[in-house]
Protein backbone atom coordinates (compact mmCIF):
# COMPACT_ATOMS: atom_id res chain seq x y z
CA MET A 1 17.48 -58.71 -21.22
CA ARG A 2 18.79 -57.86 -17.75
CA ARG A 3 18.82 -54.17 -18.48
CA THR A 4 15.12 -54.00 -19.48
CA ALA A 5 14.14 -56.06 -16.45
CA ARG A 6 16.05 -53.68 -14.19
CA ILE A 7 14.36 -50.66 -15.81
CA ARG A 8 10.95 -52.23 -15.33
CA GLU A 9 11.80 -53.09 -11.75
CA LEU A 10 12.92 -49.52 -10.95
CA SER A 11 10.07 -47.82 -12.70
CA GLY A 12 7.34 -49.99 -11.20
CA PRO A 13 3.73 -48.94 -11.20
CA PRO A 14 3.23 -45.16 -10.93
CA GLN A 15 2.30 -43.86 -7.51
CA TYR A 16 -0.61 -41.47 -7.36
CA LEU A 17 -1.57 -38.93 -4.75
CA THR A 18 -5.12 -39.63 -3.61
CA TYR A 19 -7.77 -37.21 -2.52
CA PHE A 20 -10.69 -38.90 -0.75
CA GLY A 21 -9.71 -42.16 -2.41
CA ALA A 22 -9.61 -40.86 -6.00
CA PRO A 23 -6.21 -40.53 -7.73
CA THR A 24 -5.46 -36.89 -8.49
CA CYS A 25 -1.86 -36.54 -9.68
CA ARG A 26 1.40 -38.42 -9.91
CA MET A 27 3.79 -38.03 -7.00
CA THR A 28 6.98 -38.28 -9.04
CA ALA A 29 8.06 -37.43 -12.54
CA PRO A 30 8.24 -40.34 -14.97
CA PRO A 31 11.73 -41.83 -15.22
CA THR A 32 13.93 -40.81 -18.13
CA ARG A 33 16.81 -42.72 -19.61
CA ALA A 34 20.17 -40.99 -19.51
CA LEU A 35 22.93 -41.60 -22.05
CA SER A 36 24.43 -44.27 -19.82
CA GLY A 37 21.17 -46.22 -19.81
CA THR A 38 20.36 -45.70 -16.12
CA LEU A 39 17.07 -44.27 -15.01
CA ARG A 40 16.94 -40.69 -13.76
CA PHE A 41 14.05 -38.92 -12.06
CA GLY A 42 13.57 -35.15 -12.30
CA ILE A 43 13.13 -32.36 -14.80
CA THR A 44 15.35 -31.27 -17.64
CA ILE A 45 16.96 -27.87 -17.93
CA ILE A 46 14.71 -27.05 -20.89
CA GLU A 47 11.61 -27.64 -18.76
CA LEU A 48 13.10 -25.48 -16.01
CA LEU A 49 13.86 -22.65 -18.45
CA CYS A 50 10.33 -22.84 -19.85
CA VAL A 51 8.83 -22.56 -16.37
CA VAL A 52 11.10 -19.62 -15.47
CA GLY A 53 10.17 -17.91 -18.75
CA LEU A 54 6.45 -18.38 -18.15
CA VAL A 55 6.69 -17.06 -14.59
CA SER A 56 8.64 -14.00 -15.73
CA VAL A 57 6.08 -13.24 -18.46
CA LEU A 58 3.23 -13.54 -15.96
CA LEU A 59 5.01 -11.28 -13.47
CA SER A 60 5.71 -8.69 -16.17
CA LEU A 61 1.96 -8.59 -16.84
CA VAL A 62 0.86 -8.48 -13.20
CA ILE A 63 3.30 -5.97 -11.67
CA PRO A 64 2.20 -2.93 -13.78
CA ALA A 65 -1.43 -3.69 -12.92
CA VAL A 66 -0.58 -3.69 -9.21
CA PHE A 67 1.20 -0.34 -9.52
CA ALA A 68 -1.75 1.12 -11.43
CA ALA A 69 -4.13 -0.06 -8.72
CA ASN A 70 -1.93 1.56 -6.04
CA ARG A 71 -1.87 4.82 -8.00
CA ALA A 72 -5.66 4.77 -8.32
CA ALA A 73 -6.02 4.11 -4.58
CA ARG A 74 -3.79 7.10 -3.80
CA ARG A 75 -5.89 9.30 -6.09
CA VAL A 76 -9.09 8.18 -4.38
CA ASP A 77 -7.51 8.83 -0.96
CA CYS A 78 -6.46 12.34 -2.00
CA ALA A 79 -9.94 13.08 -3.36
CA ALA A 80 -11.48 11.89 -0.07
CA ARG A 81 -9.15 14.18 1.91
CA MET A 82 -10.03 17.18 -0.28
CA LYS A 83 -13.71 16.36 0.17
CA ASN A 84 -13.24 16.29 3.96
CA LEU A 85 -11.56 19.71 3.80
CA GLY A 86 -14.51 21.10 1.83
CA ILE A 87 -16.99 19.60 4.29
CA ALA A 88 -15.04 21.10 7.20
CA VAL A 89 -15.10 24.57 5.59
CA HIS A 90 -18.84 24.28 4.94
CA SER A 91 -19.48 23.08 8.50
CA HIS A 92 -17.51 26.06 9.87
CA THR A 93 -19.53 28.38 7.63
CA GLU A 94 -22.84 26.93 8.79
CA SER A 95 -22.03 27.05 12.48
CA ARG A 96 -20.29 30.44 12.59
CA ARG A 97 -22.21 32.15 9.76
CA SER A 98 -18.95 33.17 8.05
CA LEU A 99 -16.12 31.61 6.12
CA PRO A 100 -12.96 30.75 8.08
CA PRO A 101 -10.63 33.77 8.27
CA SER A 102 -7.56 33.65 6.07
CA ARG A 103 -5.58 34.97 9.05
CA VAL A 104 -5.97 37.06 12.19
CA GLU A 105 -2.97 39.27 12.81
CA GLY A 106 -1.23 39.44 16.15
CA HIS A 107 0.83 41.98 18.08
CA ALA A 108 4.03 43.71 17.03
CA ALA A 109 6.25 41.99 19.61
CA TYR A 110 6.62 39.00 17.29
CA GLY A 111 6.59 40.91 14.01
CA HIS A 112 4.24 43.41 12.44
CA PHE A 113 2.02 40.83 10.73
CA ALA A 114 2.45 37.85 13.03
CA PRO A 115 -0.66 35.72 12.48
CA ARG A 116 -2.48 34.40 15.55
CA THR A 117 -4.73 32.03 13.63
CA ASN A 118 -5.60 31.03 10.08
CA TRP A 119 -8.24 29.07 8.20
CA VAL A 120 -6.63 25.69 8.92
CA ILE A 121 -6.74 26.26 12.67
CA SER A 122 -10.31 27.46 12.37
CA ILE A 123 -11.52 24.22 10.75
CA LEU A 124 -9.55 21.78 12.96
CA PRO A 125 -12.58 20.90 15.12
CA TRP A 126 -14.49 19.80 12.00
CA LEU A 127 -11.53 17.65 10.93
CA GLU A 128 -11.81 15.87 14.30
CA LEU A 129 -8.60 17.54 15.51
CA ALA A 130 -10.04 19.69 18.27
CA ALA A 131 -7.27 18.52 20.62
CA VAL A 132 -4.67 20.13 18.36
CA GLU A 133 -6.66 23.37 18.24
CA ASN A 134 -6.99 23.42 22.04
CA GLN A 135 -3.19 23.24 22.43
CA ILE A 136 -2.70 26.49 20.51
CA ASP A 137 -2.50 29.63 22.66
CA LYS A 138 -4.59 32.04 20.59
CA ALA A 139 -3.45 35.04 22.62
CA LEU A 140 0.04 34.52 21.15
CA PRO A 141 0.99 34.53 17.49
CA LEU A 142 1.60 31.24 15.71
CA ASN A 143 5.36 31.83 15.53
CA ALA A 144 5.65 32.20 19.33
CA PRO A 145 7.80 29.53 21.00
CA ALA A 146 4.80 28.23 22.96
CA ASN A 147 2.90 27.49 19.71
CA LEU A 148 5.72 26.22 17.49
CA ALA A 149 5.49 22.58 18.60
CA VAL A 150 1.76 22.49 17.88
CA VAL A 151 2.04 24.41 14.61
CA MET A 152 4.69 21.95 13.36
CA THR A 153 2.35 18.99 13.95
CA PRO A 154 1.65 17.35 10.56
CA ILE A 155 -2.03 17.26 9.63
CA SER A 156 -2.78 14.32 7.37
CA ALA A 157 -5.93 15.92 5.95
CA LEU A 158 -3.77 18.57 4.26
CA ARG A 159 -1.41 16.13 2.54
CA CYS A 160 -2.09 13.97 -0.44
CA PRO A 161 -0.10 10.76 -0.69
CA GLU A 162 0.77 11.31 -4.35
């Protein structure tokens, strides 16, 4: 008799979390009776394993979709960069009435076929990189020490992320 009264006293009425006065969910888990007969609050290891299993299954479904979305975004970014290169070549052709030169050869002091410029340098203003083009000394070949720092500048429009 005492034991059931103590269990009723400990369990009491359930407490509910309210949201604008309406009960929404219980604040604590219902009490469970252990082997010794005392009340215990919490979750069992089976419930914990079920939750961990469900979370791992959901993550195994979501993570490949995220990677596929990233891959698709990189493809779209690469296509946009290639489109910008094509637009820059067409803009050069319209303004100068000729395609960009593949290369313009320099003087023999730096090698017999030392290029002074190429098609990439010719379209830099249309890629919004006129500042890089202005740093190149076009009287010297590209492999001259004065031009090496500028020539080694990475141009993001020429690189695809994938």
